[in-house]
Amino acid sequence: MAARELGQRAIAADAHGLVVDSPEAAARALQPHFARLDREEVKVGLLSRKHRLLGVVDVYAGNVAGTSVRIGELFTEALRRNAPAIVVAHNHPSGDPTPSAEDERTTRDAVAAGRLLGVDVLDHLVFGAGRYISIGSRSAAPAVARPHA
């Protein structure tokens, strides 16, 4: 188990500095942080002005049934570290990455809060069983701020 943990940390460390300019790039950078979790966790990828991954911070650890999110806490480290953009991500321990109504609401609220704080929310990813869904790229999802050209 220790070797597996070290391997996951090494893979996650390799993602730092990657350009996160699409849902696929965000998933590649963030997925190692969600490997083999048995409870729902919310993490935030901090991005530079050019959308390079500066770091990934843990925001919440819930239980197998879920976790509630206080929107302001999604931005705490971004504001501390002057990160102008974030990607929100969490996992579904059930293995089904289909976003819930609560996930959709959280995304809308985070985008609105980010506009007020001057922090772009580029996406919200939901991981489950080796798959992910990007709430930002779903046609039924609210418009999520896209990277500046």
N, C-alpha and C. Protein backbone atom coordinates (compact mmCIF):
# COMPACT_ATOMS: atom_id res chain seq x y z
N MET A 1 0.82 -1.19 0.00
CA MET A 1 0.00 0.00 0.00
C MET A 1 0.87 1.26 0.00
N ALA A 2 1.98 1.21 0.71
CA ALA A 2 2.87 2.38 0.76
C ALA A 2 3.45 2.65 -0.62
N ALA A 3 3.84 1.59 -1.34
CA ALA A 3 4.39 1.76 -2.69
C ALA A 3 3.34 2.35 -3.62
N ARG A 4 2.09 1.90 -3.49
CA ARG A 4 1.01 2.43 -4.33
C ARG A 4 0.82 3.91 -4.04
N GLU A 5 0.82 4.28 -2.75
CA GLU A 5 0.67 5.68 -2.36
C GLU A 5 1.80 6.53 -2.92
N LEU A 6 3.03 6.04 -2.84
CA LEU A 6 4.17 6.78 -3.39
C LEU A 6 4.04 6.95 -4.89
N GLY A 7 3.60 5.90 -5.56
CA GLY A 7 3.39 5.98 -7.01
C GLY A 7 2.34 7.01 -7.38
N GLN A 8 1.23 7.02 -6.63
CA GLN A 8 0.17 8.00 -6.90
C GLN A 8 0.66 9.41 -6.66
N ARG A 9 1.45 9.59 -5.62
CA ARG A 9 1.99 10.93 -5.34
C ARG A 9 2.95 11.37 -6.44
N ALA A 10 3.75 10.45 -6.95
CA ALA A 10 4.68 10.79 -8.03
C ALA A 10 3.92 11.19 -9.30
N ILE A 11 2.87 10.45 -9.62
CA ILE A 11 2.06 10.78 -10.80
C ILE A 11 1.41 12.15 -10.62
N ALA A 12 0.86 12.40 -9.43
CA ALA A 12 0.22 13.69 -9.16
C ALA A 12 1.24 14.82 -9.24
N ALA A 13 2.45 14.60 -8.73
CA ALA A 13 3.48 15.64 -8.78
C ALA A 13 3.86 15.97 -10.21
N ASP A 14 3.86 14.97 -11.09
CA ASP A 14 4.19 15.20 -12.49
C ASP A 14 3.19 16.13 -13.18
N ALA A 15 1.98 16.21 -12.66
CA ALA A 15 0.95 17.04 -13.28
C ALA A 15 1.18 18.52 -13.02
N HIS A 16 1.89 18.86 -11.96
CA HIS A 16 2.11 20.28 -11.65
C HIS A 16 2.83 20.95 -12.82
N GLY A 17 2.32 22.09 -13.23
CA GLY A 17 2.88 22.83 -14.35
C GLY A 17 2.22 22.52 -15.67
N LEU A 18 1.41 21.46 -15.73
CA LEU A 18 0.70 21.14 -16.97
C LEU A 18 -0.31 22.24 -17.29
N VAL A 19 -0.53 22.47 -18.57
CA VAL A 19 -1.55 23.42 -19.00
C VAL A 19 -2.89 22.70 -18.95
N VAL A 20 -3.83 23.29 -18.24
CA VAL A 20 -5.17 22.72 -18.09
C VAL A 20 -6.12 23.60 -18.89
N ASP A 21 -6.26 23.26 -20.18
CA ASP A 21 -7.06 24.10 -21.08
C ASP A 21 -8.23 23.35 -21.70
N SER A 22 -8.53 22.16 -21.18
CA SER A 22 -9.66 21.38 -21.67
C SER A 22 -10.10 20.43 -20.57
N PRO A 23 -11.31 19.89 -20.67
CA PRO A 23 -11.73 18.89 -19.68
C PRO A 23 -10.80 17.68 -19.65
N GLU A 24 -10.30 17.28 -20.81
CA GLU A 24 -9.40 16.13 -20.87
C GLU A 24 -8.10 16.41 -20.11
N ALA A 25 -7.55 17.60 -20.31
CA ALA A 25 -6.31 17.98 -19.62
C ALA A 25 -6.54 18.07 -18.12
N ALA A 26 -7.69 18.62 -17.73
CA ALA A 26 -8.02 18.71 -16.30
C ALA A 26 -8.16 17.32 -15.70
N ALA A 27 -8.80 16.42 -16.41
CA ALA A 27 -8.97 15.05 -15.91
C ALA A 27 -7.63 14.35 -15.76
N ARG A 28 -6.73 14.52 -16.74
CA ARG A 28 -5.39 13.91 -16.64
C ARG A 28 -4.64 14.43 -15.43
N ALA A 29 -4.77 15.72 -15.17
CA ALA A 29 -4.04 16.33 -14.06
C ALA A 29 -4.63 15.96 -12.70
N LEU A 30 -5.95 15.83 -12.62
CA LEU A 30 -6.60 15.64 -11.32
C LEU A 30 -6.93 14.20 -10.98
N GLN A 31 -7.10 13.33 -11.97
CA GLN A 31 -7.52 11.97 -11.70
C GLN A 31 -6.62 11.24 -10.71
N PRO A 32 -5.30 11.38 -10.76
CA PRO A 32 -4.47 10.66 -9.78
C PRO A 32 -4.79 11.02 -8.32
N HIS A 33 -5.35 12.16 -8.10
CA HIS A 33 -5.70 12.58 -6.74
C HIS A 33 -6.96 11.88 -6.23
N PHE A 34 -7.67 11.19 -7.12
CA PHE A 34 -8.91 10.52 -6.75
C PHE A 34 -8.82 9.00 -6.84
N ALA A 35 -7.66 8.47 -7.16
CA ALA A 35 -7.51 7.03 -7.32
C ALA A 35 -7.77 6.31 -6.01
N ARG A 36 -8.65 5.34 -6.06
CA ARG A 36 -8.92 4.43 -4.96
C ARG A 36 -9.45 5.08 -3.67
N LEU A 37 -10.17 6.15 -3.78
CA LEU A 37 -10.77 6.76 -2.60
C LEU A 37 -12.06 6.02 -2.25
N ASP A 38 -12.30 5.79 -0.98
CA ASP A 38 -13.51 5.08 -0.56
C ASP A 38 -14.58 6.01 0.00
N ARG A 39 -14.30 7.30 -0.03
CA ARG A 39 -15.28 8.29 0.41
C ARG A 39 -15.26 9.45 -0.57
N GLU A 40 -16.32 10.24 -0.56
CA GLU A 40 -16.37 11.38 -1.47
C GLU A 40 -15.44 12.47 -0.97
N GLU A 41 -14.65 13.00 -1.89
CA GLU A 41 -13.74 14.10 -1.57
C GLU A 41 -13.87 15.18 -2.63
N VAL A 42 -13.71 16.42 -2.20
CA VAL A 42 -13.73 17.57 -3.10
C VAL A 42 -12.34 18.18 -3.08
N LYS A 43 -11.79 18.41 -4.27
CA LYS A 43 -10.47 19.01 -4.41
C LYS A 43 -10.57 20.15 -5.42
N VAL A 44 -9.64 21.07 -5.32
CA VAL A 44 -9.61 22.21 -6.24
C VAL A 44 -8.22 22.29 -6.86
N GLY A 45 -8.18 22.31 -8.19
CA GLY A 45 -6.94 22.55 -8.91
C GLY A 45 -6.74 24.05 -9.06
N LEU A 46 -5.61 24.54 -8.59
CA LEU A 46 -5.29 25.97 -8.68
C LEU A 46 -4.52 26.21 -9.97
N LEU A 47 -4.91 27.21 -10.72
CA LEU A 47 -4.31 27.47 -12.03
C LEU A 47 -3.74 28.88 -12.11
N SER A 48 -2.67 29.00 -12.88
CA SER A 48 -2.06 30.30 -13.14
C SER A 48 -2.87 31.04 -14.19
N ARG A 49 -2.44 32.25 -14.50
CA ARG A 49 -3.10 33.05 -15.54
C ARG A 49 -3.09 32.32 -16.89
N LYS A 50 -2.04 31.56 -17.16
CA LYS A 50 -1.96 30.81 -18.43
C LYS A 50 -2.48 29.39 -18.26
N HIS A 51 -3.21 29.16 -17.17
CA HIS A 51 -3.87 27.89 -16.86
C HIS A 51 -2.91 26.73 -16.64
N ARG A 52 -1.74 27.03 -16.07
CA ARG A 52 -0.82 25.98 -15.65
C ARG A 52 -1.21 25.56 -14.24
N LEU A 53 -1.17 24.26 -13.98
CA LEU A 53 -1.54 23.74 -12.68
C LEU A 53 -0.49 24.13 -11.65
N LEU A 54 -0.92 24.89 -10.64
CA LEU A 54 -0.04 25.32 -9.56
C LEU A 54 -0.06 24.36 -8.39
N GLY A 55 -1.16 23.67 -8.24
CA GLY A 55 -1.31 22.74 -7.13
C GLY A 55 -2.73 22.25 -7.03
N VAL A 56 -2.91 21.22 -6.22
CA VAL A 56 -4.23 20.66 -5.97
C VAL A 56 -4.43 20.65 -4.46
N VAL A 57 -5.53 21.21 -4.01
CA VAL A 57 -5.79 21.29 -2.57
C VAL A 57 -7.04 20.50 -2.21
N ASP A 58 -6.98 19.85 -1.06
CA ASP A 58 -8.13 19.14 -0.52
C ASP A 58 -9.06 20.17 0.10
N VAL A 59 -10.34 20.08 -0.22
CA VAL A 59 -11.31 21.00 0.35
C VAL A 59 -12.21 20.28 1.34
N TYR A 60 -12.73 19.11 0.97
CA TYR A 60 -13.61 18.35 1.83
C TYR A 60 -13.35 16.86 1.68
N ALA A 61 -13.55 16.15 2.77
CA ALA A 61 -13.62 14.69 2.76
C ALA A 61 -14.93 14.34 3.43
N GLY A 62 -15.80 13.67 2.72
CA GLY A 62 -17.11 13.32 3.25
C GLY A 62 -17.16 11.86 3.63
N ASN A 63 -18.24 11.22 3.23
CA ASN A 63 -18.40 9.80 3.50
C ASN A 63 -18.80 9.11 2.20
N VAL A 64 -19.19 7.85 2.29
CA VAL A 64 -19.53 7.12 1.06
C VAL A 64 -20.80 7.67 0.42
N ALA A 65 -21.62 8.38 1.17
CA ALA A 65 -22.88 8.90 0.64
C ALA A 65 -22.75 10.30 0.06
N GLY A 66 -21.68 11.01 0.40
CA GLY A 66 -21.54 12.36 -0.15
C GLY A 66 -20.92 13.32 0.83
N THR A 67 -20.92 14.56 0.43
CA THR A 67 -20.40 15.63 1.28
C THR A 67 -21.09 16.92 0.87
N SER A 68 -21.26 17.81 1.81
CA SER A 68 -21.82 19.11 1.46
C SER A 68 -20.66 20.08 1.26
N VAL A 69 -20.88 21.05 0.39
CA VAL A 69 -19.82 21.98 0.03
C VAL A 69 -20.25 23.39 0.37
N ARG A 70 -19.41 24.09 1.09
CA ARG A 70 -19.60 25.52 1.34
C ARG A 70 -18.83 26.24 0.25
N ILE A 71 -19.53 26.96 -0.61
CA ILE A 71 -18.94 27.53 -1.82
C ILE A 71 -17.70 28.37 -1.53
N GLY A 72 -17.73 29.18 -0.50
CA GLY A 72 -16.59 30.04 -0.19
C GLY A 72 -15.30 29.27 0.02
N GLU A 73 -15.40 28.05 0.57
CA GLU A 73 -14.19 27.27 0.84
C GLU A 73 -13.52 26.75 -0.44
N LEU A 74 -14.24 26.74 -1.54
CA LEU A 74 -13.63 26.33 -2.80
C LEU A 74 -12.57 27.35 -3.24
N PHE A 75 -12.69 28.59 -2.76
CA PHE A 75 -11.83 29.68 -3.22
C PHE A 75 -10.75 30.08 -2.22
N THR A 76 -10.74 29.50 -1.04
CA THR A 76 -9.82 29.93 0.02
C THR A 76 -8.37 29.92 -0.44
N GLU A 77 -7.90 28.78 -0.93
CA GLU A 77 -6.49 28.68 -1.34
C GLU A 77 -6.21 29.48 -2.61
N ALA A 78 -7.18 29.56 -3.52
CA ALA A 78 -6.99 30.36 -4.74
C ALA A 78 -6.74 31.81 -4.37
N LEU A 79 -7.49 32.32 -3.40
CA LEU A 79 -7.30 33.71 -2.98
C LEU A 79 -5.99 33.88 -2.23
N ARG A 80 -5.65 32.93 -1.37
CA ARG A 80 -4.38 33.01 -0.63
C ARG A 80 -3.17 32.99 -1.55
N ARG A 81 -3.26 32.17 -2.60
CA ARG A 81 -2.11 31.98 -3.48
C ARG A 81 -2.23 32.79 -4.77
N ASN A 82 -3.20 33.70 -4.83
CA ASN A 82 -3.40 34.56 -6.00
C ASN A 82 -3.57 33.77 -7.30
N ALA A 83 -4.28 32.66 -7.22
CA ALA A 83 -4.56 31.86 -8.41
C ALA A 83 -5.78 32.45 -9.11
N PRO A 84 -5.65 32.87 -10.36
CA PRO A 84 -6.77 33.51 -11.04
C PRO A 84 -7.82 32.55 -11.60
N ALA A 85 -7.58 31.24 -11.50
CA ALA A 85 -8.55 30.28 -12.03
C ALA A 85 -8.46 28.98 -11.24
N ILE A 86 -9.58 28.26 -11.22
CA ILE A 86 -9.62 26.96 -10.54
C ILE A 86 -10.41 25.96 -11.37
N VAL A 87 -10.18 24.69 -11.07
CA VAL A 87 -11.01 23.59 -11.55
C VAL A 87 -11.47 22.85 -10.29
N VAL A 88 -12.77 22.71 -10.13
CA VAL A 88 -13.33 21.97 -9.01
C VAL A 88 -13.49 20.53 -9.45
N ALA A 89 -13.22 19.59 -8.54
CA ALA A 89 -13.38 18.18 -8.87
C ALA A 89 -13.77 17.41 -7.62
N HIS A 90 -14.56 16.38 -7.82
CA HIS A 90 -14.87 15.46 -6.73
C HIS A 90 -15.16 14.09 -7.31
N ASN A 91 -15.24 13.12 -6.43
CA ASN A 91 -15.48 11.75 -6.86
C ASN A 91 -16.81 11.25 -6.32
N HIS A 92 -17.32 10.23 -6.99
CA HIS A 92 -18.48 9.49 -6.52
C HIS A 92 -18.01 8.08 -6.20
N PRO A 93 -17.91 7.72 -4.92
CA PRO A 93 -17.45 6.39 -4.55
C PRO A 93 -18.30 5.25 -5.13
N SER A 94 -19.54 5.55 -5.50
CA SER A 94 -20.40 4.53 -6.11
C SER A 94 -19.85 4.06 -7.44
N GLY A 95 -18.98 4.88 -8.04
CA GLY A 95 -18.42 4.55 -9.35
C GLY A 95 -19.14 5.21 -10.51
N ASP A 96 -20.32 5.74 -10.27
CA ASP A 96 -21.10 6.41 -11.33
C ASP A 96 -20.78 7.90 -11.31
N PRO A 97 -20.09 8.41 -12.34
CA PRO A 97 -19.71 9.83 -12.34
C PRO A 97 -20.82 10.79 -12.76
N THR A 98 -22.04 10.29 -12.95
CA THR A 98 -23.13 11.16 -13.37
C THR A 98 -23.38 12.24 -12.31
N PRO A 99 -23.30 13.51 -12.69
CA PRO A 99 -23.51 14.59 -11.72
C PRO A 99 -24.94 14.58 -11.16
N SER A 100 -25.04 14.83 -9.87
CA SER A 100 -26.34 14.95 -9.22
C SER A 100 -26.87 16.37 -9.40
N ALA A 101 -28.11 16.57 -9.01
CA ALA A 101 -28.68 17.92 -9.03
C ALA A 101 -27.88 18.84 -8.12
N GLU A 102 -27.41 18.31 -6.99
CA GLU A 102 -26.58 19.09 -6.06
C GLU A 102 -25.25 19.47 -6.72
N ASP A 103 -24.66 18.56 -7.51
CA ASP A 103 -23.42 18.87 -8.23
C ASP A 103 -23.63 20.01 -9.22
N GLU A 104 -24.76 19.97 -9.91
CA GLU A 104 -25.09 21.03 -10.88
C GLU A 104 -25.26 22.37 -10.16
N ARG A 105 -25.96 22.34 -9.02
CA ARG A 105 -26.17 23.57 -8.25
C ARG A 105 -24.85 24.12 -7.74
N THR A 106 -23.99 23.24 -7.24
CA THR A 106 -22.69 23.66 -6.75
C THR A 106 -21.89 24.33 -7.86
N THR A 107 -21.96 23.79 -9.06
CA THR A 107 -21.25 24.37 -10.20
C THR A 107 -21.76 25.77 -10.50
N ARG A 108 -23.07 25.92 -10.57
CA ARG A 108 -23.66 27.25 -10.84
C ARG A 108 -23.25 28.25 -9.77
N ASP A 109 -23.34 27.83 -8.51
CA ASP A 109 -22.99 28.72 -7.41
C ASP A 109 -21.51 29.09 -7.42
N ALA A 110 -20.66 28.11 -7.74
CA ALA A 110 -19.22 28.37 -7.77
C ALA A 110 -18.87 29.34 -8.89
N VAL A 111 -19.47 29.17 -10.06
CA VAL A 111 -19.21 30.09 -11.18
C VAL A 111 -19.63 31.51 -10.80
N ALA A 112 -20.80 31.65 -10.18
CA ALA A 112 -21.28 32.97 -9.78
C ALA A 112 -20.37 33.58 -8.72
N ALA A 113 -19.96 32.80 -7.73
CA ALA A 113 -19.06 33.30 -6.69
C ALA A 113 -17.71 33.68 -7.29
N GLY A 114 -17.22 32.86 -8.19
CA GLY A 114 -15.93 33.14 -8.83
C GLY A 114 -15.95 34.46 -9.58
N ARG A 115 -17.06 34.75 -10.25
CA ARG A 115 -17.17 36.04 -10.95
C ARG A 115 -17.03 37.20 -9.97
N LEU A 116 -17.66 37.07 -8.81
CA LEU A 116 -17.57 38.13 -7.80
C LEU A 116 -16.17 38.26 -7.22
N LEU A 117 -15.47 37.14 -7.09
CA LEU A 117 -14.14 37.13 -6.49
C LEU A 117 -13.01 37.36 -7.50
N GLY A 118 -13.34 37.34 -8.77
CA GLY A 118 -12.31 37.49 -9.79
C GLY A 118 -11.50 36.23 -10.02
N VAL A 119 -12.11 35.07 -9.77
CA VAL A 119 -11.45 33.78 -9.98
C VAL A 119 -12.32 32.98 -10.95
N ASP A 120 -11.77 32.66 -12.12
CA ASP A 120 -12.52 31.88 -13.10
C ASP A 120 -12.65 30.44 -12.64
N VAL A 121 -13.87 29.90 -12.72
CA VAL A 121 -14.11 28.48 -12.49
C VAL A 121 -14.16 27.85 -13.87
N LEU A 122 -13.09 27.17 -14.25
CA LEU A 122 -13.00 26.65 -15.62
C LEU A 122 -13.82 25.40 -15.83
N ASP A 123 -14.01 24.60 -14.78
CA ASP A 123 -14.78 23.37 -14.93
C ASP A 123 -15.05 22.77 -13.57
N HIS A 124 -15.93 21.79 -13.56
CA HIS A 124 -16.22 20.96 -12.40
C HIS A 124 -16.27 19.53 -12.92
N LEU A 125 -15.33 18.72 -12.48
CA LEU A 125 -15.24 17.33 -12.92
C LEU A 125 -15.76 16.40 -11.83
N VAL A 126 -16.45 15.34 -12.27
CA VAL A 126 -16.90 14.29 -11.35
C VAL A 126 -16.25 12.99 -11.79
N PHE A 127 -15.49 12.36 -10.89
CA PHE A 127 -14.79 11.11 -11.18
C PHE A 127 -15.53 9.94 -10.57
N GLY A 128 -15.49 8.81 -11.27
CA GLY A 128 -16.05 7.57 -10.74
C GLY A 128 -15.63 6.40 -11.57
N ALA A 129 -15.10 5.36 -10.93
CA ALA A 129 -14.73 4.10 -11.58
C ALA A 129 -13.89 4.30 -12.84
N GLY A 130 -12.85 5.14 -12.75
CA GLY A 130 -11.95 5.34 -13.88
C GLY A 130 -12.51 6.21 -14.99
N ARG A 131 -13.66 6.79 -14.78
CA ARG A 131 -14.29 7.68 -15.77
C ARG A 131 -14.50 9.04 -15.13
N TYR A 132 -14.84 10.01 -15.96
CA TYR A 132 -15.17 11.33 -15.44
C TYR A 132 -16.21 11.98 -16.33
N ILE A 133 -16.91 12.93 -15.76
CA ILE A 133 -17.82 13.78 -16.52
C ILE A 133 -17.47 15.22 -16.21
N SER A 134 -17.38 16.02 -17.25
CA SER A 134 -17.13 17.45 -17.12
C SER A 134 -18.47 18.16 -17.11
N ILE A 135 -18.83 18.73 -15.98
CA ILE A 135 -20.10 19.46 -15.91
C ILE A 135 -20.04 20.68 -16.83
N GLY A 136 -18.89 21.29 -16.96
CA GLY A 136 -18.74 22.47 -17.79
C GLY A 136 -18.94 22.23 -19.27
N SER A 137 -18.71 21.00 -19.74
CA SER A 137 -18.86 20.76 -21.17
C SER A 137 -20.16 20.06 -21.52
N ARG A 138 -20.97 19.75 -20.54
CA ARG A 138 -22.28 19.14 -20.81
C ARG A 138 -23.22 20.19 -21.36
N SER A 139 -23.99 19.84 -22.36
CA SER A 139 -24.88 20.82 -22.97
C SER A 139 -25.97 21.29 -22.02
N ALA A 140 -26.39 20.44 -21.10
CA ALA A 140 -27.46 20.82 -20.18
C ALA A 140 -26.93 21.60 -18.98
N ALA A 141 -25.61 21.65 -18.84
CA ALA A 141 -25.01 22.31 -17.69
C ALA A 141 -25.01 23.82 -17.89
N PRO A 142 -24.90 24.55 -16.79
CA PRO A 142 -24.80 26.00 -16.91
C PRO A 142 -23.50 26.39 -17.60
N ALA A 143 -23.47 27.55 -18.19
CA ALA A 143 -22.25 28.03 -18.85
C ALA A 143 -21.18 28.22 -17.80
N VAL A 144 -20.09 27.52 -17.95
CA VAL A 144 -18.95 27.65 -17.04
C VAL A 144 -17.92 28.50 -17.74
N ALA A 145 -17.28 29.37 -17.00
CA ALA A 145 -16.28 30.27 -17.59
C ALA A 145 -15.23 29.46 -18.33
N ARG A 146 -14.93 29.83 -19.54
CA ARG A 146 -13.92 29.13 -20.35
C ARG A 146 -12.62 29.91 -20.28
N PRO A 147 -11.50 29.25 -20.53
CA PRO A 147 -10.20 29.94 -20.48
C PRO A 147 -10.17 31.12 -21.44
N HIS A 148 -9.48 32.18 -21.03
CA HIS A 148 -9.32 33.34 -21.90
C HIS A 148 -8.38 32.97 -23.05
N ALA A 149 -8.66 33.50 -24.21
CA ALA A 149 -7.83 33.19 -25.39
C ALA A 149 -6.51 33.91 -25.30
